[in-house]
Amino acid sequence: MKREAQHEWFANAQYGMMAHWGLYSSLAGEYKNRRVQNYAEWIQSYMPIPNAEYEQLAKTFNPIYFNADEWIKLAKDAGMKYFVFTSKHHDGFAMFHSKVDAFNIVDATPFGRDVVAELGEACYKYGVKFGLYYSQELDWHHEHGGGYDQFEPCSGVSWDNSWDYPNRDKKDFSICFEEKIKPQVTEILTNYGDICLIWFDVPHTISPAQSLELNQLVKKYQPQCLINSRIGNGAYDYVSLGDNEYPTERPQNQEDIDPNSLGGFKVSPFNLYETAGTLNSSWGFKYFDQNWITPAEIAERRARLNGMGVNYLLNVGPDGLGRIPSFSKEALLGAVDLFSK
């Protein structure tokens, strides 16, 4: 598929599913009798949990109810055209078989299965396009993970791992970038078939040269793969609006730099936009979060976004056993008939 055709596909896709799933899912938003106040996938930073303790979660991570077919069939039945999965979140744990770092689901857990591979195969089976989220800067498992130059509020104690590695003056993101980020991005680009998009996240420390290098890496191995704006420094194909951002009017197709925007540019040179949203108040599974949106709210938001030419990427947070909560399923499927009316 040529790049222009991929742009056309994205503009017409309109609706997709995202899934945040990792070691944090087994904690379900609680650790040592403390509960996170916001995003459960940030629990390592929120508590904060030393890497030596957090690594123990891998030894018991055995999601026996994970079924890639069930996940993707749900997306298909809900009318979604693409699926985006968290191949590596900020905790640095890879949900695929990485030869770069043994801190991954195959080598470090009793489960021992490559869920990225299984989800990719299921997407192919059901005709749903496959995309991958990858945290290209924040990596709390690596001493030189980025975010150490940021002091603004976040969902944890800090953007970087300041509890294991407190001396920020000695941190050098280029070491993490060369040792882990680039090699792992290469792995997901070359080992899992066609990827419709890569969903990068939270660019702060990453330099313009590093963003461009990642962009060129993607285009080298998968020229048709789209890149979201959170790669940083304008090296993108489409704009990821803010978390749960529901604009009242369509963004204009012009270069309008907003230094306070995570993505750098607030508009897309290709006029492609997407809002990623949650079904409750967290991306990762949080057992005590019952703030579910209704099928009617899903249908209304989808109609409003799609009417402005903005895709709606709606997240599910499976639990530590690999199950998508029934509340999520009911809401997604209940919205189908409401949207079609």
C-alpha atoms as a PDB file:
ATOM      1  CA  MET A   1       0.000   0.000   0.000  1.00  0.00           C
ATOM      2  CA  LYS A   2       1.445   3.342  -1.046  1.00  0.00           C
ATOM      3  CA  ARG A   3       1.774   6.078   1.536  1.00  0.00           C
ATOM      4  CA  GLU A   4      -1.075   8.126  -0.005  1.00  0.00           C
ATOM      5  CA  ALA A   5      -3.335   5.088   0.094  1.00  0.00           C
ATOM      6  CA  GLN A   6      -2.458   4.552   3.743  1.00  0.00           C
ATOM      7  CA  HIS A   7      -3.412   8.153   4.484  1.00  0.00           C
ATOM      8  CA  GLU A   8      -6.734   7.553   2.741  1.00  0.00           C
ATOM      9  CA  TRP A   9      -7.272   4.352   4.731  1.00  0.00           C
ATOM     10  CA  PHE A  10      -6.645   6.159   8.026  1.00  0.00           C
ATOM     11  CA  ALA A  11      -8.994   9.007   7.128  1.00  0.00           C
ATOM     12  CA  ASN A  12     -11.745   6.495   6.345  1.00  0.00           C
ATOM     13  CA  ALA A  13     -11.094   4.139   9.272  1.00  0.00           C
ATOM     14  CA  GLN A  14     -12.732   6.473  11.813  1.00  0.00           C
ATOM     15  CA  TYR A  15     -12.895   4.013  14.715  1.00  0.00           C
ATOM     16  CA  GLY A  16     -10.310   1.796  16.413  1.00  0.00           C
ATOM     17  CA  MET A  17      -9.548  -0.072  19.618  1.00  0.00           C
ATOM     18  CA  MET A  18      -6.535   0.496  21.840  1.00  0.00           C
ATOM     19  CA  ALA A  19      -5.470  -1.902  24.608  1.00  0.00           C
ATOM     20  CA  HIS A  20      -3.218  -1.030  27.534  1.00  0.00           C
ATOM     21  CA  TRP A  21      -1.979  -4.291  28.999  1.00  0.00           C
ATOM     22  CA  GLY A  22       1.212  -5.181  30.885  1.00  0.00           C
ATOM     23  CA  LEU A  23       2.650  -6.122  34.264  1.00  0.00           C
ATOM     24  CA  TYR A  24       0.802  -3.177  35.803  1.00  0.00           C
ATOM     25  CA  SER A  25      -2.490  -4.919  34.934  1.00  0.00           C
ATOM     26  CA  SER A  26      -1.850  -7.572  37.577  1.00  0.00           C
ATOM     27  CA  LEU A  27      -1.659  -4.883  40.272  1.00  0.00           C
ATOM     28  CA  ALA A  28      -5.008  -3.470  39.138  1.00  0.00           C
ATOM     29  CA  GLY A  29      -4.231  -0.021  40.547  1.00  0.00           C
ATOM     30  CA  GLU A  30      -3.260  -1.094  44.058  1.00  0.00           C
ATOM     31  CA  TYR A  31       0.069  -1.860  45.742  1.00  0.00           C
ATOM     32  CA  LYS A  32       0.757  -2.514  49.432  1.00  0.00           C
ATOM     33  CA  ASN A  33      -2.666  -1.202  50.500  1.00  0.00           C
ATOM     34  CA  ARG A  34      -2.312   1.998  48.472  1.00  0.00           C
ATOM     35  CA  ARG A  35      -4.417   2.907  45.471  1.00  0.00           C
ATOM     36  CA  VAL A  36      -3.398   5.027  42.512  1.00  0.00           C
ATOM     37  CA  GLN A  37      -5.429   8.191  42.099  1.00  0.00           C
ATOM     38  CA  ASN A  38      -5.440   8.250  38.311  1.00  0.00           C
ATOM     39  CA  TYR A  39      -3.801   6.047  35.659  1.00  0.00           C
ATOM     40  CA  ALA A  40      -3.166   2.459  36.777  1.00  0.00           C
ATOM     41  CA  GLU A  41      -0.430   1.896  34.173  1.00  0.00           C
ATOM     42  CA  TRP A  42       1.605   4.563  36.000  1.00  0.00           C
ATOM     43  CA  ILE A  43       1.556   2.616  39.260  1.00  0.00           C
ATOM     44  CA  GLN A  44       5.308   1.956  39.339  1.00  0.00           C
ATOM     45  CA  SER A  45       5.998   5.683  39.334  1.00  0.00           C
ATOM     46  CA  TYR A  46       3.037   6.603  41.500  1.00  0.00           C
ATOM     47  CA  MET A  47       4.027   4.394  44.472  1.00  0.00           C
ATOM     48  CA  PRO A  48       7.035   4.372  43.478  1.00  0.00           C
ATOM     49  CA  ILE A  49       8.127   0.739  43.133  1.00  0.00           C
ATOM     50  CA  PRO A  50      11.853  -0.063  42.791  1.00  0.00           C
ATOM     51  CA  ASN A  51      12.765  -2.091  39.730  1.00  0.00           C
ATOM     52  CA  ALA A  52      13.946  -4.968  41.904  1.00  0.00           C
ATOM     53  CA  GLU A  53      10.426  -5.253  43.343  1.00  0.00           C
ATOM     54  CA  TYR A  54       8.592  -4.524  40.106  1.00  0.00           C
ATOM     55  CA  GLU A  55      10.529  -7.274  38.318  1.00  0.00           C
ATOM     56  CA  GLN A  56       8.998  -9.804  40.728  1.00  0.00           C
ATOM     57  CA  LEU A  57       5.636  -9.223  39.047  1.00  0.00           C
ATOM     58  CA  ALA A  58       6.978 -10.891  35.935  1.00  0.00           C
ATOM     59  CA  LYS A  59       7.641 -14.104  37.830  1.00  0.00           C
ATOM     60  CA  THR A  60       3.929 -14.504  38.551  1.00  0.00           C
ATOM     61  CA  PHE A  61       2.484 -12.978  35.380  1.00  0.00           C
ATOM     62  CA  ASN A  62       0.493 -15.828  33.845  1.00  0.00           C
ATOM     63  CA  PRO A  63      -2.629 -14.480  32.078  1.00  0.00           C
ATOM     64  CA  ILE A  64      -4.218 -17.854  31.370  1.00  0.00           C
ATOM     65  CA  TYR A  65      -7.436 -16.332  29.984  1.00  0.00           C
ATOM     66  CA  PHE A  66      -5.760 -14.232  27.325  1.00  0.00           C
ATOM     67  CA  ASN A  67      -7.283 -15.017  23.941  1.00  0.00           C
ATOM     68  CA  ALA A  68      -6.218 -12.848  21.027  1.00  0.00           C
ATOM     69  CA  ASP A  69      -9.135 -14.042  18.899  1.00  0.00           C
ATOM     70  CA  GLU A  70     -11.637 -12.885  21.516  1.00  0.00           C
ATOM     71  CA  TRP A  71     -10.062  -9.449  21.777  1.00  0.00           C
ATOM     72  CA  ILE A  72      -9.955  -8.807  18.048  1.00  0.00           C
ATOM     73  CA  LYS A  73     -13.383 -10.302  17.380  1.00  0.00           C
ATOM     74  CA  LEU A  74     -14.755  -7.872  19.968  1.00  0.00           C
ATOM     75  CA  ALA A  75     -13.125  -4.988  18.093  1.00  0.00           C
ATOM     76  CA  LYS A  76     -14.550  -6.287  14.828  1.00  0.00           C
ATOM     77  CA  ASP A  77     -18.043  -6.743  16.258  1.00  0.00           C
ATOM     78  CA  ALA A  78     -17.904  -3.228  17.726  1.00  0.00           C
ATOM     79  CA  GLY A  79     -17.279  -1.800  14.243  1.00  0.00           C
ATOM     80  CA  MET A  80     -13.621  -0.953  14.774  1.00  0.00           C
ATOM     81  CA  LYS A  81     -11.266  -0.933  11.795  1.00  0.00           C
ATOM     82  CA  TYR A  82      -7.895  -1.025  13.553  1.00  0.00           C
ATOM     83  CA  PHE A  83      -6.322  -2.177  16.804  1.00  0.00           C
ATOM     84  CA  VAL A  84      -3.385  -0.604  18.685  1.00  0.00           C
ATOM     85  CA  PHE A  85      -1.583  -2.555  21.395  1.00  0.00           C
ATOM     86  CA  THR A  86       0.968  -1.440  24.003  1.00  0.00           C
ATOM     87  CA  SER A  87       4.064  -3.374  22.940  1.00  0.00           C
ATOM     88  CA  LYS A  88       6.093  -1.538  25.618  1.00  0.00           C
ATOM     89  CA  HIS A  89       4.834   1.031  28.088  1.00  0.00           C
ATOM     90  CA  HIS A  90       6.802   3.349  30.391  1.00  0.00           C
ATOM     91  CA  ASP A  91       7.734   0.505  32.768  1.00  0.00           C
ATOM     92  CA  GLY A  92      10.068  -0.838  30.065  1.00  0.00           C
ATOM     93  CA  PHE A  93       8.482  -4.305  29.977  1.00  0.00           C
ATOM     94  CA  ALA A  94       8.118  -5.648  26.425  1.00  0.00           C
ATOM     95  CA  MET A  95       4.949  -7.576  25.630  1.00  0.00           C
ATOM     96  CA  PHE A  96       6.780  -9.279  22.789  1.00  0.00           C
ATOM     97  CA  HIS A  97       9.816 -11.525  22.506  1.00  0.00           C
ATOM     98  CA  SER A  98      12.634  -9.004  22.494  1.00  0.00           C
ATOM     99  CA  LYS A  99      16.203 -10.171  22.002  1.00  0.00           C
ATOM    100  CA  VAL A 100      17.353  -6.710  23.054  1.00  0.00           C
ATOM    101  CA  ASP A 101      16.213  -6.974  26.676  1.00  0.00           C
ATOM    102  CA  ALA A 102      15.199 -10.102  28.609  1.00  0.00           C
ATOM    103  CA  PHE A 103      12.664  -8.020  30.534  1.00  0.00           C
ATOM    104  CA  ASN A 104       9.879  -9.270  28.271  1.00  0.00           C
ATOM    105  CA  ILE A 105       6.826 -11.499  28.416  1.00  0.00           C
ATOM    106  CA  VAL A 106       8.480 -14.519  26.804  1.00  0.00           C
ATOM    107  CA  ASP A 107      11.744 -14.628  28.739  1.00  0.00           C
ATOM    108  CA  ALA A 108      10.691 -13.245  32.123  1.00  0.00           C
ATOM    109  CA  THR A 109       7.268 -14.781  32.797  1.00  0.00           C
ATOM    110  CA  PRO A 110       5.810 -18.274  33.247  1.00  0.00           C
ATOM    111  CA  PHE A 111       3.321 -17.373  30.497  1.00  0.00           C
ATOM    112  CA  GLY A 112       6.090 -17.390  27.916  1.00  0.00           C
ATOM    113  CA  ARG A 113       3.970 -16.419  24.909  1.00  0.00           C
ATOM    114  CA  ASP A 114       4.482 -13.562  22.461  1.00  0.00           C
ATOM    115  CA  VAL A 115       1.156 -11.744  22.679  1.00  0.00           C
ATOM    116  CA  VAL A 116       2.110  -9.204  20.004  1.00  0.00           C
ATOM    117  CA  ALA A 117       2.523 -12.083  17.552  1.00  0.00           C
ATOM    118  CA  GLU A 118      -0.797 -13.615  18.569  1.00  0.00           C
ATOM    119  CA  LEU A 119      -2.664 -10.329  18.320  1.00  0.00           C
ATOM    120  CA  GLY A 120      -1.133  -9.636  14.924  1.00  0.00           C
ATOM    121  CA  GLU A 121      -2.298 -13.016  13.644  1.00  0.00           C
ATOM    122  CA  ALA A 122      -5.797 -12.432  15.003  1.00  0.00           C
ATOM    123  CA  CYS A 123      -5.968  -9.024  13.322  1.00  0.00           C
ATOM    124  CA  TYR A 124      -5.045 -10.654  10.012  1.00  0.00           C
ATOM    125  CA  LYS A 125      -7.715 -13.327  10.555  1.00  0.00           C
ATOM    126  CA  TYR A 126     -10.510 -10.833  11.200  1.00  0.00           C
ATOM    127  CA  GLY A 127      -9.443  -8.169   8.711  1.00  0.00           C
ATOM    128  CA  VAL A 128      -8.598  -5.586  11.387  1.00  0.00           C
ATOM    129  CA  LYS A 129      -5.478  -3.504  10.786  1.00  0.00           C
ATOM    130  CA  PHE A 130      -2.735  -3.912  13.386  1.00  0.00           C
ATOM    131  CA  GLY A 131      -0.898  -1.054  15.090  1.00  0.00           C
ATOM    132  CA  LEU A 132       1.549  -0.923  17.974  1.00  0.00           C
ATOM    133  CA  TYR A 133       2.085   1.540  20.791  1.00  0.00           C
ATOM    134  CA  TYR A 134       5.712   1.953  21.872  1.00  0.00           C
ATOM    135  CA  SER A 135       6.981   4.300  24.608  1.00  0.00           C
ATOM    136  CA  GLN A 136      10.007   5.724  22.809  1.00  0.00           C
ATOM    137  CA  GLU A 137      11.291   7.944  25.593  1.00  0.00           C
ATOM    138  CA  LEU A 138      10.078   6.981  29.056  1.00  0.00           C
ATOM    139  CA  ASP A 139      11.596   3.698  30.211  1.00  0.00           C
ATOM    140  CA  TRP A 140      11.754   3.266  33.962  1.00  0.00           C
ATOM    141  CA  HIS A 141      13.660   0.009  33.672  1.00  0.00           C
ATOM    142  CA  HIS A 142      16.636   1.685  31.997  1.00  0.00           C
ATOM    143  CA  GLU A 143      18.951   3.981  33.950  1.00  0.00           C
ATOM    144  CA  HIS A 144      19.075   6.461  31.080  1.00  0.00           C
ATOM    145  CA  GLY A 145      15.376   6.457  30.217  1.00  0.00           C
ATOM    146  CA  GLY A 146      14.117   9.908  29.250  1.00  0.00           C
ATOM    147  CA  GLY A 147      11.975  12.443  31.055  1.00  0.00           C
ATOM    148  CA  TYR A 148      14.675  13.494  33.502  1.00  0.00           C
ATOM    149  CA  ASP A 149      14.588  17.079  32.251  1.00  0.00           C
ATOM    150  CA  GLN A 150      10.887  17.475  33.078  1.00  0.00           C
ATOM    151  CA  PHE A 151       9.610  18.853  36.365  1.00  0.00           C
ATOM    152  CA  GLU A 152       5.961  19.461  35.518  1.00  0.00           C
ATOM    153  CA  PRO A 153       3.242  17.309  37.172  1.00  0.00           C
ATOM    154  CA  CYS A 154       2.655  13.808  35.863  1.00  0.00           C
ATOM    155  CA  SER A 155       0.739  10.711  36.947  1.00  0.00           C
ATOM    156  CA  GLY A 156       3.576   9.551  39.212  1.00  0.00           C
ATOM    157  CA  VAL A 157       6.369  11.017  41.317  1.00  0.00           C
ATOM    158  CA  SER A 158       8.353  11.875  38.175  1.00  0.00           C
ATOM    159  CA  TRP A 159       8.487  11.302  34.428  1.00  0.00           C
ATOM    160  CA  ASP A 160      11.786   9.431  34.731  1.00  0.00           C
ATOM    161  CA  ASN A 161      12.764   6.735  37.231  1.00  0.00           C
ATOM    162  CA  SER A 162      14.004   9.049  39.966  1.00  0.00           C
ATOM    163  CA  TRP A 163      13.607   6.478  42.748  1.00  0.00           C
ATOM    164  CA  ASP A 164      16.147   3.941  41.440  1.00  0.00           C
ATOM    165  CA  TYR A 165      18.298   6.472  39.576  1.00  0.00           C
ATOM    166  CA  PRO A 166      18.092   9.812  41.443  1.00  0.00           C
ATOM    167  CA  ASN A 167      21.192  11.448  39.940  1.00  0.00           C
ATOM    168  CA  ARG A 168      19.756  13.154  36.884  1.00  0.00           C
ATOM    169  CA  ASP A 169      23.039  14.874  36.058  1.00  0.00           C
ATOM    170  CA  LYS A 170      24.473  11.500  35.049  1.00  0.00           C
ATOM    171  CA  LYS A 171      21.593  10.505  32.797  1.00  0.00           C
ATOM    172  CA  ASP A 172      22.032  10.448  29.040  1.00  0.00           C
ATOM    173  CA  PHE A 173      18.970   9.490  27.009  1.00  0.00           C
ATOM    174  CA  SER A 174      21.099   8.766  23.935  1.00  0.00           C
ATOM    175  CA  ILE A 175      22.425   5.660  25.741  1.00  0.00           C
ATOM    176  CA  CYS A 176      18.911   4.288  26.249  1.00  0.00           C
ATOM    177  CA  PHE A 177      17.984   5.347  22.721  1.00  0.00           C
ATOM    178  CA  GLU A 178      20.869   3.425  21.153  1.00  0.00           C
ATOM    179  CA  GLU A 179      20.858   0.418  23.510  1.00  0.00           C
ATOM    180  CA  LYS A 180      17.131  -0.248  23.692  1.00  0.00           C
ATOM    181  CA  ILE A 181      14.748   2.085  21.882  1.00  0.00           C
ATOM    182  CA  LYS A 182      16.028   1.841  18.324  1.00  0.00           C
ATOM    183  CA  PRO A 183      16.734  -1.919  18.487  1.00  0.00           C
ATOM    184  CA  GLN A 184      13.290  -2.694  19.912  1.00  0.00           C
ATOM    185  CA  VAL A 185      11.501  -0.481  17.396  1.00  0.00           C
ATOM    186  CA  THR A 186      13.417  -2.373  14.713  1.00  0.00           C
ATOM    187  CA  GLU A 187      12.201  -5.650  16.221  1.00  0.00           C
ATOM    188  CA  ILE A 188       8.535  -4.708  16.118  1.00  0.00           C
ATOM    189  CA  LEU A 189       8.917  -3.366  12.575  1.00  0.00           C
ATOM    190  CA  THR A 190      10.572  -6.510  11.241  1.00  0.00           C
ATOM    191  CA  ASN A 191       9.078  -9.414  13.200  1.00  0.00           C
ATOM    192  CA  TYR A 192       5.299  -8.930  13.133  1.00  0.00           C
ATOM    193  CA  GLY A 193       4.179  -8.421   9.561  1.00  0.00           C
ATOM    194  CA  ASP A 194       2.481  -5.301   8.275  1.00  0.00           C
ATOM    195  CA  ILE A 195       1.872  -2.628  10.893  1.00  0.00           C
ATOM    196  CA  CYS A 196      -0.589   0.096   9.969  1.00  0.00           C
ATOM    197  CA  LEU A 197       0.787   2.612  12.484  1.00  0.00           C
ATOM    198  CA  ILE A 198       3.165   3.117  15.379  1.00  0.00           C
ATOM    199  CA  TRP A 199       1.747   5.028  18.326  1.00  0.00           C
ATOM    200  CA  PHE A 200       4.687   6.725  20.065  1.00  0.00           C
ATOM    201  CA  ASP A 201       4.146   8.590  23.338  1.00  0.00           C
ATOM    202  CA  VAL A 202       5.340  11.427  25.599  1.00  0.00           C
ATOM    203  CA  PRO A 203       8.219  13.199  23.819  1.00  0.00           C
ATOM    204  CA  HIS A 204      10.148  15.504  26.129  1.00  0.00           C
ATOM    205  CA  THR A 205      13.837  14.623  26.274  1.00  0.00           C
ATOM    206  CA  ILE A 206      14.033  13.148  22.781  1.00  0.00           C
ATOM    207  CA  SER A 207      15.905  15.406  20.354  1.00  0.00           C
ATOM    208  CA  PRO A 208      14.785  16.444  16.849  1.00  0.00           C
ATOM    209  CA  ALA A 209      17.559  14.275  15.390  1.00  0.00           C
ATOM    210  CA  GLN A 210      16.376  11.249  17.387  1.00  0.00           C
ATOM    211  CA  SER A 211      12.734  11.749  16.381  1.00  0.00           C
ATOM    212  CA  LEU A 212      13.791  11.987  12.758  1.00  0.00           C
ATOM    213  CA  GLU A 213      15.943   8.877  13.107  1.00  0.00           C
ATOM    214  CA  LEU A 214      12.957   6.907  14.420  1.00  0.00           C
ATOM    215  CA  ASN A 215      10.825   8.256  11.594  1.00  0.00           C
ATOM    216  CA  GLN A 216      13.388   7.125   9.032  1.00  0.00           C
ATOM    217  CA  LEU A 217      13.664   3.731  10.716  1.00  0.00           C
ATOM    218  CA  VAL A 218       9.918   3.210  10.388  1.00  0.00           C
ATOM    219  CA  LYS A 219       9.865   4.303   6.755  1.00  0.00           C
ATOM    220  CA  LYS A 220      12.867   2.097   5.950  1.00  0.00           C
ATOM    221  CA  TYR A 221      11.264  -1.131   7.106  1.00  0.00           C
ATOM    222  CA  GLN A 222       7.584  -0.298   6.617  1.00  0.00           C
ATOM    223  CA  PRO A 223       7.117   2.680   4.278  1.00  0.00           C
ATOM    224  CA  GLN A 224       3.333   2.438   4.567  1.00  0.00           C
ATOM    225  CA  CYS A 225       3.324   2.565   8.383  1.00  0.00           C
ATOM    226  CA  LEU A 226       1.915   5.815   9.759  1.00  0.00           C
ATOM    227  CA  ILE A 227       3.522   7.644  12.695  1.00  0.00           C
ATOM    228  CA  ASN A 228       1.622   9.675  15.275  1.00  0.00           C
ATOM    229  CA  SER A 229       2.627  13.129  16.469  1.00  0.00           C
ATOM    230  CA  ARG A 230       3.863  11.953  19.861  1.00  0.00           C
ATOM    231  CA  ILE A 231       7.090  10.829  18.240  1.00  0.00           C
ATOM    232  CA  GLY A 232       8.005  14.459  18.895  1.00  0.00           C
ATOM    233  CA  ASN A 233       9.583  17.310  16.950  1.00  0.00           C
ATOM    234  CA  GLY A 234       7.149  17.275  14.032  1.00  0.00           C
ATOM    235  CA  ALA A 235       8.372  13.966  12.529  1.00  0.00           C
ATOM    236  CA  TYR A 236       4.891  12.495  12.106  1.00  0.00           C
ATOM    237  CA  ASP A 237       2.102  11.614   9.684  1.00  0.00           C
ATOM    238  CA  TYR A 238      -0.956  12.291  11.819  1.00  0.00           C
ATOM    239  CA  VAL A 239      -1.876  14.107  15.017  1.00  0.00           C
ATOM    240  CA  SER A 240      -2.759  12.336  18.247  1.00  0.00           C
ATOM    241  CA  LEU A 241      -4.836  14.870  20.119  1.00  0.00           C
ATOM    242  CA  GLY A 242      -4.680  15.005  23.916  1.00  0.00           C
ATOM    243  CA  ASP A 243      -5.894  12.112  26.060  1.00  0.00           C
ATOM    244  CA  ASN A 244      -9.700  12.131  26.026  1.00  0.00           C
ATOM    245  CA  GLU A 245      -9.669  15.352  24.001  1.00  0.00           C
ATOM    246  CA  TYR A 246     -12.957  15.959  22.232  1.00  0.00           C
ATOM    247  CA  PRO A 247     -12.649  19.164  20.180  1.00  0.00           C
ATOM    248  CA  THR A 248     -15.642  21.286  19.271  1.00  0.00           C
ATOM    249  CA  GLU A 249     -14.354  22.021  15.784  1.00  0.00           C
ATOM    250  CA  ARG A 250     -12.084  20.346  13.287  1.00  0.00           C
ATOM    251  CA  PRO A 251      -8.361  21.299  13.506  1.00  0.00           C
ATOM    252  CA  GLN A 252      -7.209  23.423  10.599  1.00  0.00           C
ATOM    253  CA  ASN A 253      -4.701  22.090   8.078  1.00  0.00           C
ATOM    254  CA  GLN A 254      -1.905  24.573   8.706  1.00  0.00           C
ATOM    255  CA  GLU A 255       1.437  24.610  10.509  1.00  0.00           C
ATOM    256  CA  ASP A 256       0.634  25.983  13.947  1.00  0.00           C
ATOM    257  CA  ILE A 257       3.310  25.172  16.503  1.00  0.00           C
ATOM    258  CA  ASP A 258       2.184  24.864  20.094  1.00  0.00           C
ATOM    259  CA  PRO A 259       5.201  24.351  22.421  1.00  0.00           C
ATOM    260  CA  ASN A 260       2.881  23.159  25.180  1.00  0.00           C
ATOM    261  CA  SER A 261       1.497  20.314  23.090  1.00  0.00           C
ATOM    262  CA  LEU A 262       2.980  16.853  23.645  1.00  0.00           C
ATOM    263  CA  GLY A 263       2.983  16.284  19.911  1.00  0.00           C
ATOM    264  CA  GLY A 264       4.723  19.546  19.020  1.00  0.00           C
ATOM    265  CA  PHE A 265       2.467  20.473  16.108  1.00  0.00           C
ATOM    266  CA  LYS A 266      -1.241  20.737  16.828  1.00  0.00           C
ATOM    267  CA  VAL A 267      -2.152  20.153  13.190  1.00  0.00           C
ATOM    268  CA  SER A 268      -1.266  17.518  10.653  1.00  0.00           C
ATOM    269  CA  PRO A 269       0.384  18.301   7.316  1.00  0.00           C
ATOM    270  CA  PHE A 270      -1.716  15.439   5.944  1.00  0.00           C
ATOM    271  CA  ASN A 271      -4.946  16.542   7.665  1.00  0.00           C
ATOM    272  CA  LEU A 272      -5.176  13.343   9.723  1.00  0.00           C
ATOM    273  CA  TYR A 273      -6.326  13.390  13.348  1.00  0.00           C
ATOM    274  CA  GLU A 274      -7.182  10.990  16.124  1.00  0.00           C
ATOM    275  CA  THR A 275      -8.443  11.188  19.708  1.00  0.00           C
ATOM    276  CA  ALA A 276      -7.582   8.338  22.064  1.00  0.00           C
ATOM    277  CA  GLY A 277     -10.091   7.935  24.867  1.00  0.00           C
ATOM    278  CA  THR A 278     -10.823   5.725  27.848  1.00  0.00           C
ATOM    279  CA  LEU A 279     -13.926   3.774  28.831  1.00  0.00           C
ATOM    280  CA  ASN A 280     -13.492   4.758  32.475  1.00  0.00           C
ATOM    281  CA  SER A 281     -10.855   6.917  34.202  1.00  0.00           C
ATOM    282  CA  SER A 282      -7.780   4.788  33.503  1.00  0.00           C
ATOM    283  CA  TRP A 283      -5.999   3.267  30.533  1.00  0.00           C
ATOM    284  CA  GLY A 284      -4.635   0.269  32.428  1.00  0.00           C
ATOM    285  CA  PHE A 285      -6.921  -2.015  34.463  1.00  0.00           C
ATOM    286  CA  LYS A 286      -7.993  -0.520  37.807  1.00  0.00           C
ATOM    287  CA  TYR A 287     -10.377  -2.788  39.662  1.00  0.00           C
ATOM    288  CA  PHE A 288     -12.007  -0.054  41.753  1.00  0.00           C
ATOM    289  CA  ASP A 289     -12.639   2.327  38.842  1.00  0.00           C
ATOM    290  CA  GLN A 290     -16.325   1.995  37.982  1.00  0.00           C
ATOM    291  CA  ASN A 291     -16.604   5.334  36.193  1.00  0.00           C
ATOM    292  CA  TRP A 292     -17.738   3.680  32.948  1.00  0.00           C
ATOM    293  CA  ILE A 293     -19.030   5.722  30.048  1.00  0.00           C
ATOM    294  CA  THR A 294     -22.303   4.565  28.534  1.00  0.00           C
ATOM    295  CA  PRO A 295     -23.004   3.156  25.071  1.00  0.00           C
ATOM    296  CA  ALA A 296     -24.838   6.389  24.312  1.00  0.00           C
ATOM    297  CA  GLU A 297     -21.770   8.448  25.230  1.00  0.00           C
ATOM    298  CA  ILE A 298     -19.566   6.281  23.007  1.00  0.00           C
ATOM    299  CA  ALA A 299     -21.929   6.647  20.055  1.00  0.00           C
ATOM    300  CA  GLU A 300     -22.243  10.406  20.564  1.00  0.00           C
ATOM    301  CA  ARG A 301     -18.491  10.961  20.844  1.00  0.00           C
ATOM    302  CA  ARG A 302     -17.800   8.780  17.843  1.00  0.00           C
ATOM    303  CA  ALA A 303     -20.364  10.607  15.727  1.00  0.00           C
ATOM    304  CA  ARG A 304     -19.052  14.012  16.810  1.00  0.00           C
ATOM    305  CA  LEU A 305     -15.393  13.135  16.182  1.00  0.00           C
ATOM    306  CA  ASN A 306     -15.992  11.341  12.905  1.00  0.00           C
ATOM    307  CA  GLY A 307     -18.154  14.241  11.750  1.00  0.00           C
ATOM    308  CA  MET A 308     -15.089  16.464  12.104  1.00  0.00           C
ATOM    309  CA  GLY A 309     -12.828  13.971  10.361  1.00  0.00           C
ATOM    310  CA  VAL A 310     -11.198  12.821  13.608  1.00  0.00           C
ATOM    311  CA  ASN A 311     -10.704   9.111  14.327  1.00  0.00           C
ATOM    312  CA  TYR A 312     -11.858   7.725  17.671  1.00  0.00           C
ATOM    313  CA  LEU A 313      -9.392   5.274  19.255  1.00  0.00           C
ATOM    314  CA  LEU A 314     -11.179   3.802  22.264  1.00  0.00           C
ATOM    315  CA  ASN A 315      -9.151   2.000  24.909  1.00  0.00           C
ATOM    316  CA  VAL A 316      -9.803  -1.192  26.844  1.00  0.00           C
ATOM    317  CA  GLY A 317      -7.771  -2.211  29.896  1.00  0.00           C
ATOM    318  CA  PRO A 318      -7.664  -6.021  30.243  1.00  0.00           C
ATOM    319  CA  ASP A 319      -7.036  -7.434  33.703  1.00  0.00           C
ATOM    320  CA  GLY A 320      -4.014  -9.412  34.859  1.00  0.00           C
ATOM    321  CA  LEU A 321      -5.520 -12.677  33.633  1.00  0.00           C
ATOM    322  CA  GLY A 322      -6.042 -11.321  30.132  1.00  0.00           C
ATOM    323  CA  ARG A 323      -9.777 -10.648  30.339  1.00  0.00           C
ATOM    324  CA  ILE A 324     -11.402  -7.523  28.919  1.00  0.00           C
ATOM    325  CA  PRO A 325     -13.867  -6.374  31.618  1.00  0.00           C
ATOM    326  CA  SER A 326     -17.503  -7.212  30.897  1.00  0.00           C
ATOM    327  CA  PHE A 327     -18.401  -3.542  31.449  1.00  0.00           C
ATOM    328  CA  SER A 328     -16.163  -2.645  28.512  1.00  0.00           C
ATOM    329  CA  LYS A 329     -17.646  -5.312  26.262  1.00  0.00           C
ATOM    330  CA  GLU A 330     -21.207  -4.315  27.066  1.00  0.00           C
ATOM    331  CA  ALA A 331     -20.512  -0.632  26.433  1.00  0.00           C
ATOM    332  CA  LEU A 332     -18.711  -1.234  23.126  1.00  0.00           C
ATOM    333  CA  LEU A 333     -21.309  -3.611  21.724  1.00  0.00           C
ATOM    334  CA  GLY A 334     -24.203  -1.535  23.056  1.00  0.00           C
ATOM    335  CA  ALA A 335     -22.930   1.485  21.141  1.00  0.00           C
ATOM    336  CA  VAL A 336     -23.104  -0.267  17.760  1.00  0.00           C
ATOM    337  CA  ASP A 337     -26.855  -0.002  17.192  1.00  0.00           C
ATOM    338  CA  LEU A 338     -27.011   3.467  18.723  1.00  0.00           C
ATOM    339  CA  PHE A 339     -24.336   4.753  16.329  1.00  0.00           C
ATOM    340  CA  SER A 340     -26.064   3.297  13.261  1.00  0.00           C
ATOM    341  CA  LYS A 341     -29.401   4.977  14.026  1.00  0.00           C
END
